[in-house]
Amino acid sequence: MSLPKPKKYIKEFENMAFGMFVHFGLYSILEQGEWTARLANIPESEYKTLMNKFNPKSMSDIVNTAKSAGAKYICLTTRHHDGFSLYDTCGLNEYDAPHSAAGRDLVREFVDECRKNDIVPFFYHTTMEFWNKEFDNDFAAYLEYLRKSVEILCTRYGKIGGFWFDGNWSKPDSDWEEDKLYKMIRK
C-alpha cells in the first residue's frame, strides 16, 4: 500500500518539526492565561485599562528563547479572545498595541526578529471575541471584520508560515464562512 505524498507546504511544516506556541497579550500583565478576563469575571472596562500598562521591551526575548530551544517556527497570538490585537488594526478598532502604552506594532517586531533569526513566523488569530457586540448581534458583520483583520496580517508582514484559528466551537451551528476566509488568505 502506498500512502499519498503530502503537499509541499505540509512537508515543509513537518520538516520544521519543533516549534513554539506563544500566548502573549494584555493578560500577560496579570501573569495569567488568555481566559483570565472570563474566568475571573473582570469587567470589560476594567480589563481594557491594562492597555495603559502594556509596554513590552521588545519581541526579541520571545524569539531568542525559541531559537535557544531549537524551535524552527513560532506561532504568536496576534489576537486572542479578549479582542486585543498585537498588530495595527488599521482603523478597524483602537484596541490594539499601537494604541496601548507600547505605541507600536508588536507583530511587525516579532516578524522582523523571526526573520533575523531564521525562524518561521506563524500567526494565531481568534475567530471569536468576548466583548465584540457584533459577534452576538450581527454575525455577518462580525465575520467581515474578522476577514479584514486577517487580511491585514496577510498583506503587511510578508510571507508567513501559516495561521492557527481558534473559536469556532463557540457557535457550532453557525456558518463561519470559512470558504471566504481561506479564499482571502490564499489570495
N, C-alpha and C. Protein backbone atom coordinates (compact mmCIF):
# COMPACT_ATOMS: atom_id res chain seq x y z
N MET A 1 0.84 -1.17 0.00
CA MET A 1 0.00 0.00 0.00
C MET A 1 0.90 1.25 0.00
N SER A 2 0.60 2.18 -0.88
CA SER A 2 1.37 3.43 -0.91
C SER A 2 0.49 4.57 -0.40
N LEU A 3 1.08 5.36 0.46
CA LEU A 3 0.37 6.49 1.02
C LEU A 3 0.51 7.70 0.10
N PRO A 4 -0.47 8.56 0.08
CA PRO A 4 -0.34 9.75 -0.77
C PRO A 4 0.78 10.65 -0.24
N LYS A 5 1.46 11.31 -1.16
CA LYS A 5 2.52 12.23 -0.77
C LYS A 5 1.88 13.52 -0.25
N PRO A 6 2.41 14.04 0.85
CA PRO A 6 1.86 15.29 1.36
C PRO A 6 2.20 16.46 0.44
N LYS A 7 1.34 17.47 0.45
CA LYS A 7 1.61 18.67 -0.34
C LYS A 7 2.91 19.30 0.15
N LYS A 8 3.52 20.10 -0.70
CA LYS A 8 4.82 20.70 -0.41
C LYS A 8 4.79 21.49 0.90
N TYR A 9 3.78 22.33 1.11
CA TYR A 9 3.75 23.16 2.32
C TYR A 9 3.54 22.31 3.58
N ILE A 10 2.87 21.18 3.46
CA ILE A 10 2.71 20.29 4.62
C ILE A 10 4.04 19.61 4.94
N LYS A 11 4.73 19.17 3.91
CA LYS A 11 6.04 18.55 4.10
C LYS A 11 7.03 19.54 4.73
N GLU A 12 6.99 20.80 4.27
CA GLU A 12 7.87 21.83 4.84
C GLU A 12 7.57 22.02 6.33
N PHE A 13 6.29 22.05 6.68
CA PHE A 13 5.91 22.20 8.08
C PHE A 13 6.39 20.99 8.89
N GLU A 14 6.18 19.81 8.37
CA GLU A 14 6.62 18.60 9.07
C GLU A 14 8.13 18.60 9.27
N ASN A 15 8.87 19.09 8.30
CA ASN A 15 10.33 19.11 8.39
C ASN A 15 10.84 20.10 9.44
N MET A 16 10.03 21.12 9.76
CA MET A 16 10.44 22.04 10.82
C MET A 16 10.41 21.35 12.18
N ALA A 17 9.58 20.37 12.31
CA ALA A 17 9.48 19.50 13.49
C ALA A 17 9.13 20.22 14.78
N PHE A 18 10.01 21.04 15.31
CA PHE A 18 9.80 21.64 16.62
C PHE A 18 9.52 23.14 16.50
N GLY A 19 8.44 23.57 17.13
CA GLY A 19 8.10 24.98 17.15
C GLY A 19 7.59 25.38 18.52
N MET A 20 7.35 26.65 18.67
CA MET A 20 6.86 27.18 19.94
C MET A 20 5.56 27.95 19.70
N PHE A 21 4.60 27.75 20.58
CA PHE A 21 3.32 28.45 20.52
C PHE A 21 3.33 29.45 21.67
N VAL A 22 3.21 30.75 21.37
CA VAL A 22 3.36 31.79 22.38
C VAL A 22 2.04 32.53 22.59
N HIS A 23 1.50 32.40 23.80
CA HIS A 23 0.34 33.19 24.22
C HIS A 23 0.88 34.46 24.86
N PHE A 24 0.55 35.60 24.26
CA PHE A 24 1.07 36.87 24.75
C PHE A 24 0.06 37.96 24.47
N GLY A 25 -0.25 38.75 25.47
CA GLY A 25 -1.20 39.84 25.30
C GLY A 25 -1.41 40.57 26.60
N LEU A 26 -2.52 41.30 26.71
CA LEU A 26 -2.81 42.06 27.92
C LEU A 26 -2.81 41.17 29.16
N TYR A 27 -3.29 39.96 29.02
CA TYR A 27 -3.36 39.03 30.15
C TYR A 27 -1.99 38.71 30.71
N SER A 28 -0.93 38.93 29.93
CA SER A 28 0.43 38.69 30.40
C SER A 28 0.79 39.62 31.56
N ILE A 29 0.21 40.81 31.57
CA ILE A 29 0.46 41.74 32.67
C ILE A 29 -0.03 41.14 33.98
N LEU A 30 -1.14 40.40 33.92
CA LEU A 30 -1.71 39.78 35.11
C LEU A 30 -1.01 38.48 35.48
N GLU A 31 -0.04 38.07 34.66
CA GLU A 31 0.67 36.81 34.83
C GLU A 31 -0.30 35.65 34.89
N GLN A 32 -1.28 35.72 34.00
CA GLN A 32 -2.32 34.71 33.90
C GLN A 32 -2.50 34.33 32.44
N GLY A 33 -3.36 33.37 32.19
CA GLY A 33 -3.63 32.93 30.84
C GLY A 33 -4.64 33.82 30.13
N GLU A 34 -4.85 33.50 28.87
CA GLU A 34 -5.68 34.30 27.99
C GLU A 34 -7.17 34.30 28.36
N TRP A 35 -7.61 33.38 29.21
CA TRP A 35 -9.01 33.32 29.64
C TRP A 35 -9.25 34.05 30.96
N THR A 36 -8.24 34.72 31.48
CA THR A 36 -8.33 35.36 32.79
C THR A 36 -9.53 36.29 32.92
N ALA A 37 -9.76 37.11 31.92
CA ALA A 37 -10.88 38.07 32.00
C ALA A 37 -12.19 37.35 32.25
N ARG A 38 -12.41 36.25 31.54
CA ARG A 38 -13.66 35.49 31.71
C ARG A 38 -13.69 34.72 33.01
N LEU A 39 -12.64 34.01 33.30
CA LEU A 39 -12.63 33.15 34.47
C LEU A 39 -12.67 33.93 35.79
N ALA A 40 -12.08 35.12 35.79
CA ALA A 40 -12.05 35.94 37.00
C ALA A 40 -13.17 36.99 36.99
N ASN A 41 -14.04 36.92 35.98
CA ASN A 41 -15.14 37.88 35.85
C ASN A 41 -14.68 39.34 35.92
N ILE A 42 -13.59 39.64 35.23
CA ILE A 42 -13.10 41.01 35.19
C ILE A 42 -13.96 41.78 34.18
N PRO A 43 -14.56 42.87 34.60
CA PRO A 43 -15.39 43.66 33.67
C PRO A 43 -14.56 44.18 32.50
N GLU A 44 -15.19 44.27 31.35
CA GLU A 44 -14.50 44.73 30.14
C GLU A 44 -13.81 46.07 30.38
N SER A 45 -14.51 47.03 30.97
CA SER A 45 -13.93 48.36 31.17
C SER A 45 -12.68 48.31 32.06
N GLU A 46 -12.69 47.46 33.05
CA GLU A 46 -11.53 47.32 33.93
C GLU A 46 -10.38 46.62 33.20
N TYR A 47 -10.70 45.55 32.49
CA TYR A 47 -9.67 44.79 31.77
C TYR A 47 -8.97 45.65 30.73
N LYS A 48 -9.75 46.46 30.01
CA LYS A 48 -9.17 47.26 28.94
C LYS A 48 -8.22 48.35 29.44
N THR A 49 -8.27 48.67 30.74
CA THR A 49 -7.31 49.64 31.28
C THR A 49 -5.90 49.06 31.29
N LEU A 50 -5.77 47.75 31.11
CA LEU A 50 -4.44 47.13 31.02
C LEU A 50 -3.65 47.68 29.83
N MET A 51 -4.37 48.21 28.85
CA MET A 51 -3.69 48.81 27.69
C MET A 51 -2.74 49.93 28.13
N ASN A 52 -3.11 50.62 29.19
CA ASN A 52 -2.29 51.74 29.68
C ASN A 52 -0.97 51.27 30.29
N LYS A 53 -0.86 49.98 30.60
CA LYS A 53 0.35 49.43 31.20
C LYS A 53 1.12 48.52 30.24
N PHE A 54 0.50 48.14 29.14
CA PHE A 54 1.08 47.14 28.25
C PHE A 54 2.17 47.76 27.39
N ASN A 55 3.43 47.51 27.75
CA ASN A 55 4.54 48.06 27.01
C ASN A 55 5.76 47.14 27.11
N PRO A 56 5.70 46.01 26.40
CA PRO A 56 6.85 45.09 26.44
C PRO A 56 8.09 45.75 25.84
N LYS A 57 9.25 45.39 26.39
CA LYS A 57 10.51 45.98 25.92
C LYS A 57 10.74 45.70 24.44
N SER A 58 10.66 44.44 24.07
CA SER A 58 10.83 44.06 22.67
C SER A 58 10.33 42.63 22.49
N MET A 59 10.23 42.23 21.27
CA MET A 59 9.80 40.86 20.97
C MET A 59 11.01 39.94 20.84
N SER A 60 12.20 40.49 20.97
CA SER A 60 13.41 39.67 20.77
C SER A 60 13.56 38.58 21.82
N ASP A 61 13.10 38.82 23.06
CA ASP A 61 13.23 37.78 24.09
C ASP A 61 12.45 36.52 23.71
N ILE A 62 11.25 36.72 23.17
CA ILE A 62 10.43 35.57 22.74
C ILE A 62 11.16 34.79 21.66
N VAL A 63 11.66 35.49 20.66
CA VAL A 63 12.32 34.83 19.54
C VAL A 63 13.63 34.19 19.99
N ASN A 64 14.40 34.88 20.81
CA ASN A 64 15.67 34.31 21.28
C ASN A 64 15.45 33.06 22.13
N THR A 65 14.40 33.06 22.95
CA THR A 65 14.09 31.88 23.76
C THR A 65 13.76 30.70 22.86
N ALA A 66 12.95 30.94 21.84
CA ALA A 66 12.58 29.87 20.90
C ALA A 66 13.81 29.36 20.15
N LYS A 67 14.65 30.28 19.70
CA LYS A 67 15.86 29.89 18.97
C LYS A 67 16.78 29.05 19.87
N SER A 68 16.95 29.47 21.11
CA SER A 68 17.80 28.74 22.04
C SER A 68 17.28 27.33 22.30
N ALA A 69 15.96 27.18 22.25
CA ALA A 69 15.37 25.86 22.48
C ALA A 69 15.40 24.98 21.24
N GLY A 70 15.79 25.56 20.10
CA GLY A 70 15.87 24.81 18.86
C GLY A 70 14.62 24.87 18.00
N ALA A 71 13.71 25.79 18.32
CA ALA A 71 12.48 25.92 17.54
C ALA A 71 12.78 26.43 16.14
N LYS A 72 12.04 25.91 15.18
CA LYS A 72 12.17 26.35 13.79
C LYS A 72 11.04 27.30 13.40
N TYR A 73 9.98 27.35 14.21
CA TYR A 73 8.88 28.28 13.97
C TYR A 73 8.27 28.70 15.30
N ILE A 74 7.60 29.83 15.27
CA ILE A 74 6.87 30.33 16.43
C ILE A 74 5.48 30.76 15.96
N CYS A 75 4.48 30.33 16.69
CA CYS A 75 3.11 30.77 16.43
C CYS A 75 2.74 31.75 17.55
N LEU A 76 2.51 33.01 17.18
CA LEU A 76 2.21 34.07 18.14
C LEU A 76 0.73 34.42 18.12
N THR A 77 0.16 34.63 19.29
CA THR A 77 -1.25 35.04 19.38
C THR A 77 -1.36 36.52 18.98
N THR A 78 -1.69 36.76 17.74
CA THR A 78 -1.82 38.13 17.24
C THR A 78 -3.08 38.81 17.80
N ARG A 79 -4.13 38.04 18.03
CA ARG A 79 -5.34 38.49 18.73
C ARG A 79 -5.97 37.27 19.38
N HIS A 80 -6.23 37.40 20.70
CA HIS A 80 -6.89 36.30 21.40
C HIS A 80 -8.33 36.68 21.71
N HIS A 81 -9.03 35.84 22.47
CA HIS A 81 -10.47 36.00 22.69
C HIS A 81 -10.83 37.31 23.40
N ASP A 82 -9.87 37.95 24.06
CA ASP A 82 -10.15 39.25 24.68
C ASP A 82 -10.27 40.36 23.64
N GLY A 83 -9.91 40.06 22.39
CA GLY A 83 -10.07 41.00 21.28
C GLY A 83 -8.93 41.98 21.09
N PHE A 84 -7.92 41.96 21.98
CA PHE A 84 -6.79 42.88 21.86
C PHE A 84 -5.83 42.36 20.80
N SER A 85 -5.44 43.24 19.88
CA SER A 85 -4.55 42.87 18.78
C SER A 85 -3.13 43.36 19.03
N LEU A 86 -2.17 42.51 18.79
CA LEU A 86 -0.77 42.89 18.90
C LEU A 86 -0.29 43.65 17.66
N TYR A 87 -1.15 43.78 16.66
CA TYR A 87 -0.80 44.45 15.41
C TYR A 87 -1.67 45.69 15.21
N ASP A 88 -1.26 46.52 14.28
CA ASP A 88 -2.02 47.71 13.92
C ASP A 88 -3.25 47.28 13.13
N THR A 89 -4.42 47.51 13.69
CA THR A 89 -5.66 47.09 13.04
C THR A 89 -6.11 48.06 11.96
N CYS A 90 -5.30 49.05 11.67
CA CYS A 90 -5.53 49.97 10.54
C CYS A 90 -6.92 50.60 10.57
N GLY A 91 -7.37 50.98 11.76
CA GLY A 91 -8.65 51.66 11.89
C GLY A 91 -9.85 50.77 12.14
N LEU A 92 -9.68 49.46 12.12
CA LEU A 92 -10.82 48.58 12.41
C LEU A 92 -11.30 48.80 13.84
N ASN A 93 -10.35 49.09 14.73
CA ASN A 93 -10.65 49.47 16.12
C ASN A 93 -9.39 50.10 16.70
N GLU A 94 -9.48 50.55 17.92
CA GLU A 94 -8.30 51.11 18.59
C GLU A 94 -7.85 50.23 19.75
N TYR A 95 -8.34 49.01 19.77
CA TYR A 95 -8.00 48.06 20.83
C TYR A 95 -6.82 47.21 20.33
N ASP A 96 -5.68 47.90 20.13
CA ASP A 96 -4.51 47.24 19.57
C ASP A 96 -3.24 47.82 20.17
N ALA A 97 -2.13 47.14 19.93
CA ALA A 97 -0.85 47.54 20.53
C ALA A 97 -0.44 48.97 20.18
N PRO A 98 -0.63 49.45 18.94
CA PRO A 98 -0.24 50.83 18.67
C PRO A 98 -1.01 51.87 19.51
N HIS A 99 -2.21 51.52 19.97
CA HIS A 99 -2.99 52.42 20.80
C HIS A 99 -2.80 52.14 22.30
N SER A 100 -1.91 51.23 22.64
CA SER A 100 -1.61 50.91 24.04
C SER A 100 -0.36 51.70 24.45
N ALA A 101 0.09 51.46 25.66
CA ALA A 101 1.32 52.11 26.13
C ALA A 101 2.52 51.72 25.25
N ALA A 102 2.45 50.56 24.60
CA ALA A 102 3.54 50.13 23.72
C ALA A 102 3.71 51.10 22.56
N GLY A 103 2.59 51.55 21.99
CA GLY A 103 2.64 52.53 20.92
C GLY A 103 3.25 52.04 19.62
N ARG A 104 3.27 50.73 19.43
CA ARG A 104 3.90 50.20 18.22
C ARG A 104 3.29 48.86 17.85
N ASP A 105 3.57 48.44 16.63
CA ASP A 105 3.08 47.18 16.08
C ASP A 105 4.01 46.05 16.54
N LEU A 106 3.55 45.24 17.48
CA LEU A 106 4.38 44.18 18.04
C LEU A 106 4.50 42.99 17.10
N VAL A 107 3.53 42.79 16.23
CA VAL A 107 3.64 41.71 15.24
C VAL A 107 4.75 42.05 14.25
N ARG A 108 4.88 43.32 13.86
CA ARG A 108 5.98 43.72 12.97
C ARG A 108 7.32 43.40 13.64
N GLU A 109 7.46 43.75 14.91
CA GLU A 109 8.71 43.45 15.63
C GLU A 109 8.96 41.94 15.69
N PHE A 110 7.91 41.20 15.96
CA PHE A 110 8.01 39.75 16.04
C PHE A 110 8.48 39.15 14.71
N VAL A 111 7.84 39.55 13.63
CA VAL A 111 8.19 39.02 12.31
C VAL A 111 9.63 39.39 11.95
N ASP A 112 10.00 40.64 12.20
CA ASP A 112 11.38 41.07 11.90
C ASP A 112 12.40 40.26 12.70
N GLU A 113 12.12 40.04 13.98
CA GLU A 113 13.03 39.24 14.82
C GLU A 113 13.10 37.80 14.33
N CYS A 114 11.96 37.24 13.95
CA CYS A 114 11.96 35.87 13.42
C CYS A 114 12.84 35.78 12.19
N ARG A 115 12.69 36.71 11.28
CA ARG A 115 13.47 36.67 10.04
C ARG A 115 14.96 36.83 10.32
N LYS A 116 15.30 37.69 11.27
CA LYS A 116 16.70 37.88 11.65
C LYS A 116 17.30 36.60 12.20
N ASN A 117 16.48 35.77 12.81
CA ASN A 117 16.96 34.55 13.48
C ASN A 117 16.61 33.27 12.74
N ASP A 118 16.19 33.39 11.48
CA ASP A 118 15.88 32.24 10.65
C ASP A 118 14.81 31.34 11.28
N ILE A 119 13.76 31.98 11.82
CA ILE A 119 12.62 31.28 12.39
C ILE A 119 11.39 31.67 11.60
N VAL A 120 10.54 30.72 11.30
CA VAL A 120 9.34 30.99 10.51
C VAL A 120 8.23 31.50 11.43
N PRO A 121 7.68 32.69 11.13
CA PRO A 121 6.58 33.20 11.95
C PRO A 121 5.23 32.61 11.51
N PHE A 122 4.46 32.15 12.48
CA PHE A 122 3.08 31.72 12.27
C PHE A 122 2.21 32.63 13.12
N PHE A 123 0.95 32.79 12.71
CA PHE A 123 0.02 33.64 13.45
C PHE A 123 -1.17 32.86 13.96
N TYR A 124 -1.41 32.97 15.26
CA TYR A 124 -2.68 32.54 15.85
C TYR A 124 -3.60 33.75 15.76
N HIS A 125 -4.87 33.50 15.45
CA HIS A 125 -5.88 34.57 15.47
C HIS A 125 -7.20 33.96 15.91
N THR A 126 -7.80 34.57 16.91
CA THR A 126 -9.09 34.11 17.39
C THR A 126 -10.16 34.30 16.32
N THR A 127 -11.17 33.46 16.35
CA THR A 127 -12.33 33.67 15.49
C THR A 127 -13.54 34.14 16.30
N MET A 128 -13.37 34.25 17.60
CA MET A 128 -14.45 34.79 18.46
C MET A 128 -13.85 35.76 19.45
N GLU A 129 -14.68 36.70 19.90
CA GLU A 129 -14.20 37.68 20.87
C GLU A 129 -15.23 37.84 21.98
N PHE A 130 -14.75 37.90 23.21
CA PHE A 130 -15.64 38.01 24.37
C PHE A 130 -16.56 39.22 24.30
N TRP A 131 -16.01 40.38 23.91
CA TRP A 131 -16.76 41.63 24.07
C TRP A 131 -17.18 42.27 22.76
N ASN A 132 -16.93 41.67 21.63
CA ASN A 132 -17.34 42.26 20.37
C ASN A 132 -18.85 42.12 20.22
N LYS A 133 -19.55 43.25 20.19
CA LYS A 133 -21.03 43.25 20.15
C LYS A 133 -21.56 42.58 18.88
N GLU A 134 -20.86 42.77 17.77
CA GLU A 134 -21.32 42.16 16.51
C GLU A 134 -21.28 40.64 16.56
N PHE A 135 -20.39 40.08 17.36
CA PHE A 135 -20.29 38.63 17.44
C PHE A 135 -21.63 38.01 17.80
N ASP A 136 -22.36 38.62 18.71
CA ASP A 136 -23.68 38.11 19.11
C ASP A 136 -24.84 38.74 18.36
N ASN A 137 -24.68 39.99 17.92
CA ASN A 137 -25.82 40.73 17.37
C ASN A 137 -25.88 40.82 15.86
N ASP A 138 -24.73 40.73 15.19
CA ASP A 138 -24.69 40.83 13.72
C ASP A 138 -23.51 39.99 13.24
N PHE A 139 -23.72 38.69 13.24
CA PHE A 139 -22.63 37.76 12.97
C PHE A 139 -22.03 37.97 11.58
N ALA A 140 -22.83 38.31 10.59
CA ALA A 140 -22.31 38.56 9.24
C ALA A 140 -21.33 39.73 9.26
N ALA A 141 -21.68 40.79 9.98
CA ALA A 141 -20.77 41.95 10.10
C ALA A 141 -19.51 41.55 10.85
N TYR A 142 -19.67 40.73 11.88
CA TYR A 142 -18.50 40.26 12.64
C TYR A 142 -17.55 39.47 11.74
N LEU A 143 -18.10 38.58 10.91
CA LEU A 143 -17.25 37.78 10.03
C LEU A 143 -16.50 38.65 9.03
N GLU A 144 -17.13 39.71 8.56
CA GLU A 144 -16.46 40.65 7.66
C GLU A 144 -15.30 41.33 8.39
N TYR A 145 -15.55 41.75 9.63
CA TYR A 145 -14.50 42.34 10.47
C TYR A 145 -13.36 41.34 10.69
N LEU A 146 -13.69 40.10 10.95
CA LEU A 146 -12.67 39.06 11.13
C LEU A 146 -11.82 38.91 9.87
N ARG A 147 -12.47 38.85 8.71
CA ARG A 147 -11.72 38.69 7.46
C ARG A 147 -10.81 39.91 7.20
N LYS A 148 -11.33 41.10 7.47
CA LYS A 148 -10.50 42.30 7.28
C LYS A 148 -9.30 42.28 8.24
N SER A 149 -9.52 41.80 9.44
CA SER A 149 -8.43 41.69 10.42
C SER A 149 -7.35 40.73 9.93
N VAL A 150 -7.76 39.58 9.47
CA VAL A 150 -6.81 38.57 8.99
C VAL A 150 -6.14 39.06 7.70
N GLU A 151 -6.87 39.79 6.88
CA GLU A 151 -6.28 40.32 5.65
C GLU A 151 -5.10 41.25 5.96
N ILE A 152 -5.22 42.02 7.02
CA ILE A 152 -4.10 42.88 7.44
C ILE A 152 -2.87 42.02 7.71
N LEU A 153 -3.06 40.90 8.40
CA LEU A 153 -1.94 40.01 8.70
C LEU A 153 -1.37 39.36 7.43
N CYS A 154 -2.21 39.17 6.45
CA CYS A 154 -1.77 38.55 5.19
C CYS A 154 -1.01 39.52 4.29
N THR A 155 -1.24 40.81 4.46
CA THR A 155 -0.69 41.76 3.49
C THR A 155 0.40 42.68 4.04
N ARG A 156 0.61 42.73 5.32
CA ARG A 156 1.55 43.71 5.89
C ARG A 156 2.87 43.12 6.39
N TYR A 157 2.99 41.80 6.40
CA TYR A 157 4.16 41.20 7.06
C TYR A 157 4.96 40.26 6.17
N GLY A 158 4.68 40.24 4.91
CA GLY A 158 5.41 39.34 4.02
C GLY A 158 4.97 37.90 4.23
N LYS A 159 5.78 37.01 3.72
CA LYS A 159 5.45 35.58 3.80
C LYS A 159 5.52 35.09 5.25
N ILE A 160 4.48 34.39 5.65
CA ILE A 160 4.45 33.76 6.97
C ILE A 160 4.23 32.27 6.77
N GLY A 161 4.42 31.51 7.85
CA GLY A 161 4.28 30.06 7.75
C GLY A 161 2.84 29.60 7.66
N GLY A 162 1.93 30.32 8.30
CA GLY A 162 0.54 29.93 8.26
C GLY A 162 -0.23 30.52 9.43
N PHE A 163 -1.49 30.09 9.54
CA PHE A 163 -2.40 30.57 10.57
C PHE A 163 -2.89 29.43 11.44
N TRP A 164 -3.22 29.77 12.65
CA TRP A 164 -3.88 28.86 13.59
C TRP A 164 -5.11 29.61 14.07
N PHE A 165 -6.29 29.09 13.79
CA PHE A 165 -7.54 29.73 14.21
C PHE A 165 -8.18 28.94 15.34
N ASP A 166 -8.87 29.66 16.21
CA ASP A 166 -9.49 29.05 17.38
C ASP A 166 -10.71 29.87 17.78
N GLY A 167 -11.82 29.19 17.99
CA GLY A 167 -13.01 29.87 18.48
C GLY A 167 -14.30 29.43 17.81
N ASN A 168 -14.21 28.71 16.70
CA ASN A 168 -15.42 28.30 16.00
C ASN A 168 -16.32 27.40 16.86
N TRP A 169 -15.77 26.79 17.86
CA TRP A 169 -16.53 25.95 18.77
C TRP A 169 -17.59 26.78 19.52
N SER A 170 -17.40 28.09 19.57
CA SER A 170 -18.31 28.94 20.33
C SER A 170 -19.68 29.10 19.68
N LYS A 171 -19.77 28.85 18.39
CA LYS A 171 -21.04 28.89 17.66
C LYS A 171 -21.06 27.68 16.72
N PRO A 172 -21.24 26.49 17.27
CA PRO A 172 -21.09 25.28 16.47
C PRO A 172 -22.12 25.13 15.35
N ASP A 173 -23.26 25.79 15.46
CA ASP A 173 -24.29 25.65 14.43
C ASP A 173 -24.31 26.81 13.45
N SER A 174 -23.35 27.72 13.55
CA SER A 174 -23.31 28.89 12.67
C SER A 174 -22.48 28.61 11.43
N ASP A 175 -22.78 29.35 10.38
CA ASP A 175 -21.98 29.32 9.17
C ASP A 175 -20.85 30.33 9.34
N TRP A 176 -19.66 29.85 9.54
CA TRP A 176 -18.50 30.71 9.76
C TRP A 176 -17.90 31.23 8.46
N GLU A 177 -18.45 30.85 7.34
CA GLU A 177 -17.99 31.31 6.02
C GLU A 177 -16.48 31.08 5.85
N GLU A 178 -16.05 29.90 6.25
CA GLU A 178 -14.63 29.59 6.15
C GLU A 178 -14.11 29.68 4.72
N ASP A 179 -14.97 29.35 3.73
CA ASP A 179 -14.52 29.43 2.34
C ASP A 179 -14.07 30.85 1.99
N LYS A 180 -14.81 31.85 2.46
CA LYS A 180 -14.43 33.25 2.19
C LYS A 180 -13.13 33.60 2.90
N LEU A 181 -12.97 33.14 4.13
CA LEU A 181 -11.76 33.44 4.88
C LEU A 181 -10.53 32.82 4.20
N TYR A 182 -10.61 31.54 3.87
CA TYR A 182 -9.46 30.87 3.27
C TYR A 182 -9.18 31.33 1.85
N LYS A 183 -10.21 31.72 1.12
CA LYS A 183 -10.01 32.28 -0.22
C LYS A 183 -9.22 33.59 -0.12
N MET A 184 -9.60 34.42 0.85
CA MET A 184 -8.90 35.69 1.05
C MET A 184 -7.45 35.43 1.46
N ILE A 185 -7.21 34.47 2.34
CA ILE A 185 -5.84 34.17 2.77
C ILE A 185 -5.00 33.70 1.58
N ARG A 186 -5.55 32.83 0.77
CA ARG A 186 -4.79 32.29 -0.37
C ARG A 186 -4.55 33.33 -1.45
N LYS A 187 -5.40 34.32 -1.51
CA LYS A 187 -5.24 35.41 -2.48
C LYS A 187 -3.96 36.18 -2.17
